[in-house]
Amino acid sequence: MPVEDTDDFVPIGMSHAEFSIGCEFLTATGRWRCTDVGTRTIVAIKLDLDHDPSWYNGPPYAVPEHVFDEDDLDGCSPAPVEREYDDTGRERLVTFSRG
């Protein structure tokens, strides 16, 4: 099962000191990239697979930034450096010719 499968995600929690601009972390909703570290908050963008990668270049970003306060950090876990994707359904894809 892939690491980023959020169906069975159990956060280990992170401290404020573990965040830095550019670091990636996981929550129950997916993978995030930190864009700012405040005194008591973290600001991040959600990394969705269906967006153009240029949307994550910034600031300014083409995707909305979200604020995580100190109570939200318990729901975060450090993201693995290597991303893992589940493509086991690939053999069940059906394609149709357009002609």
C-alpha atoms as a PDB file:
ATOM      1  CA  MET A   1       0.000   0.000   0.000  1.00  0.00           C
ATOM      2  CA  PRO A   2       1.418   3.432  -0.876  1.00  0.00           C
ATOM      3  CA  VAL A   3       2.569   5.741   1.884  1.00  0.00           C
ATOM      4  CA  GLU A   4       0.312   8.514   0.617  1.00  0.00           C
ATOM      5  CA  ASP A   5      -2.874   6.424   0.717  1.00  0.00           C
ATOM      6  CA  THR A   6      -4.891   8.665   3.033  1.00  0.00           C
ATOM      7  CA  ASP A   7      -7.627   6.053   3.686  1.00  0.00           C
ATOM      8  CA  ASP A   8      -5.485   4.520   6.451  1.00  0.00           C
ATOM      9  CA  PHE A   9      -3.497   7.631   7.373  1.00  0.00           C
ATOM     10  CA  VAL A  10      -2.525   7.846  11.031  1.00  0.00           C
ATOM     11  CA  PRO A  11      -0.668  11.084  11.806  1.00  0.00           C
ATOM     12  CA  ILE A  12       2.316  11.008  14.107  1.00  0.00           C
ATOM     13  CA  GLY A  13       2.124  14.753  14.748  1.00  0.00           C
ATOM     14  CA  MET A  14       4.793  17.357  14.101  1.00  0.00           C
ATOM     15  CA  SER A  15       6.232  20.147  16.190  1.00  0.00           C
ATOM     16  CA  HIS A  16       6.417  23.718  14.929  1.00  0.00           C
ATOM     17  CA  ALA A  17      10.230  23.420  14.761  1.00  0.00           C
ATOM     18  CA  GLU A  18       9.973  20.589  12.184  1.00  0.00           C
ATOM     19  CA  PHE A  19       8.514  22.926   9.554  1.00  0.00           C
ATOM     20  CA  SER A  20      10.545  25.018   7.136  1.00  0.00           C
ATOM     21  CA  ILE A  21       9.658  26.726   3.889  1.00  0.00           C
ATOM     22  CA  GLY A  22       9.612  24.114   1.139  1.00  0.00           C
ATOM     23  CA  CYS A  23       9.266  21.068   3.397  1.00  0.00           C
ATOM     24  CA  GLU A  24       6.470  18.656   2.531  1.00  0.00           C
ATOM     25  CA  PHE A  25       4.148  16.964   4.992  1.00  0.00           C
ATOM     26  CA  LEU A  26       1.080  14.738   4.981  1.00  0.00           C
ATOM     27  CA  THR A  27      -2.362  15.155   6.512  1.00  0.00           C
ATOM     28  CA  ALA A  28      -5.510  13.072   6.195  1.00  0.00           C
ATOM     29  CA  THR A  29      -6.368  15.129   3.094  1.00  0.00           C
ATOM     30  CA  GLY A  30      -3.089  14.596   1.225  1.00  0.00           C
ATOM     31  CA  ARG A  31       0.379  16.027   0.649  1.00  0.00           C
ATOM     32  CA  TRP A  32       1.232  19.686   1.431  1.00  0.00           C
ATOM     33  CA  ARG A  33       4.211  22.018   0.928  1.00  0.00           C
ATOM     34  CA  CYS A  34       5.052  24.620   3.559  1.00  0.00           C
ATOM     35  CA  THR A  35       5.167  28.157   2.136  1.00  0.00           C
ATOM     36  CA  ASP A  36       5.626  30.169   5.343  1.00  0.00           C
ATOM     37  CA  VAL A  37       6.400  29.602   9.001  1.00  0.00           C
ATOM     38  CA  GLY A  38       4.895  32.076  11.432  1.00  0.00           C
ATOM     39  CA  THR A  39       5.262  32.417  15.171  1.00  0.00           C
ATOM     40  CA  ARG A  40       2.368  30.044  15.877  1.00  0.00           C
ATOM     41  CA  THR A  41       1.152  29.075  12.397  1.00  0.00           C
ATOM     42  CA  ILE A  42       2.222  27.245   9.272  1.00  0.00           C
ATOM     43  CA  VAL A  43       1.034  28.273   5.802  1.00  0.00           C
ATOM     44  CA  ALA A  44       0.987  25.628   3.078  1.00  0.00           C
ATOM     45  CA  ILE A  45      -0.323  24.732  -0.370  1.00  0.00           C
ATOM     46  CA  LYS A  46      -1.951  21.391  -1.132  1.00  0.00           C
ATOM     47  CA  LEU A  47      -0.134  19.342  -3.761  1.00  0.00           C
ATOM     48  CA  ASP A  48      -2.795  17.780  -5.984  1.00  0.00           C
ATOM     49  CA  LEU A  49      -1.790  15.382  -8.736  1.00  0.00           C
ATOM     50  CA  ASP A  50      -4.093  16.907 -11.348  1.00  0.00           C
ATOM     51  CA  HIS A  51      -2.621  20.426 -11.311  1.00  0.00           C
ATOM     52  CA  ASP A  52       0.048  21.743 -13.627  1.00  0.00           C
ATOM     53  CA  PRO A  53       3.341  21.649 -11.639  1.00  0.00           C
ATOM     54  CA  SER A  54       3.929  25.332 -12.471  1.00  0.00           C
ATOM     55  CA  TRP A  55       0.997  26.169 -10.170  1.00  0.00           C
ATOM     56  CA  TYR A  56       3.257  25.337  -7.224  1.00  0.00           C
ATOM     57  CA  ASN A  57       5.918  27.892  -8.197  1.00  0.00           C
ATOM     58  CA  GLY A  58       5.639  31.042  -6.178  1.00  0.00           C
ATOM     59  CA  PRO A  59       4.917  33.171  -4.392  1.00  0.00           C
ATOM     60  CA  PRO A  60       2.421  34.117  -5.573  1.00  0.00           C
ATOM     61  CA  TYR A  61       0.910  30.673  -6.068  1.00  0.00           C
ATOM     62  CA  ALA A  62      -1.863  29.724  -8.479  1.00  0.00           C
ATOM     63  CA  VAL A  63      -3.402  27.550  -5.750  1.00  0.00           C
ATOM     64  CA  PRO A  64      -4.746  28.846  -2.426  1.00  0.00           C
ATOM     65  CA  GLU A  65      -2.567  28.852   0.661  1.00  0.00           C
ATOM     66  CA  HIS A  66      -4.038  27.384   3.845  1.00  0.00           C
ATOM     67  CA  VAL A  67      -3.149  28.263   7.429  1.00  0.00           C
ATOM     68  CA  PHE A  68      -2.439  25.527   9.979  1.00  0.00           C
ATOM     69  CA  ASP A  69      -2.495  26.683  13.587  1.00  0.00           C
ATOM     70  CA  GLU A  70      -0.735  25.020  16.501  1.00  0.00           C
ATOM     71  CA  ASP A  71      -3.741  22.740  17.146  1.00  0.00           C
ATOM     72  CA  ASP A  72      -3.584  21.413  13.557  1.00  0.00           C
ATOM     73  CA  LEU A  73       0.033  20.224  13.813  1.00  0.00           C
ATOM     74  CA  ASP A  74      -0.982  17.024  15.635  1.00  0.00           C
ATOM     75  CA  GLY A  75      -2.680  15.928  12.400  1.00  0.00           C
ATOM     76  CA  CYS A  76       0.522  16.264  10.336  1.00  0.00           C
ATOM     77  CA  SER A  77       3.296  13.797   9.544  1.00  0.00           C
ATOM     78  CA  PRO A  78       6.587  14.350   7.721  1.00  0.00           C
ATOM     79  CA  ALA A  79       6.298  13.318   4.078  1.00  0.00           C
ATOM     80  CA  PRO A  80       8.712  10.737   2.693  1.00  0.00           C
ATOM     81  CA  VAL A  81      11.328  12.233   0.379  1.00  0.00           C
ATOM     82  CA  GLU A  82      10.354   9.869  -2.425  1.00  0.00           C
ATOM     83  CA  ARG A  83       6.728  10.072  -3.449  1.00  0.00           C
ATOM     84  CA  GLU A  84       4.921   6.784  -3.937  1.00  0.00           C
ATOM     85  CA  TYR A  85       1.909   6.411  -6.178  1.00  0.00           C
ATOM     86  CA  ASP A  86      -0.496   3.540  -6.487  1.00  0.00           C
ATOM     87  CA  ASP A  87      -0.994   2.659 -10.150  1.00  0.00           C
ATOM     88  CA  THR A  88      -2.347  -0.842  -9.544  1.00  0.00           C
ATOM     89  CA  GLY A  89      -5.598   0.110 -11.277  1.00  0.00           C
ATOM     90  CA  ARG A  90      -3.774   0.954 -14.484  1.00  0.00           C
ATOM     91  CA  GLU A  91      -4.386  -2.511 -16.018  1.00  0.00           C
ATOM     92  CA  ARG A  92      -8.159  -2.032 -15.584  1.00  0.00           C
ATOM     93  CA  LEU A  93      -8.263   1.215 -17.592  1.00  0.00           C
ATOM     94  CA  VAL A  94     -10.340   1.043 -20.723  1.00  0.00           C
ATOM     95  CA  THR A  95      -9.446   3.210 -23.693  1.00  0.00           C
ATOM     96  CA  PHE A  96     -11.491   3.939 -26.794  1.00  0.00           C
ATOM     97  CA  SER A  97     -10.192   5.085 -30.141  1.00  0.00           C
ATOM     98  CA  ARG A  98     -11.568   8.362 -31.430  1.00  0.00           C
ATOM     99  CA  GLY A  99     -12.297   7.497 -34.948  1.00  0.00           C
END
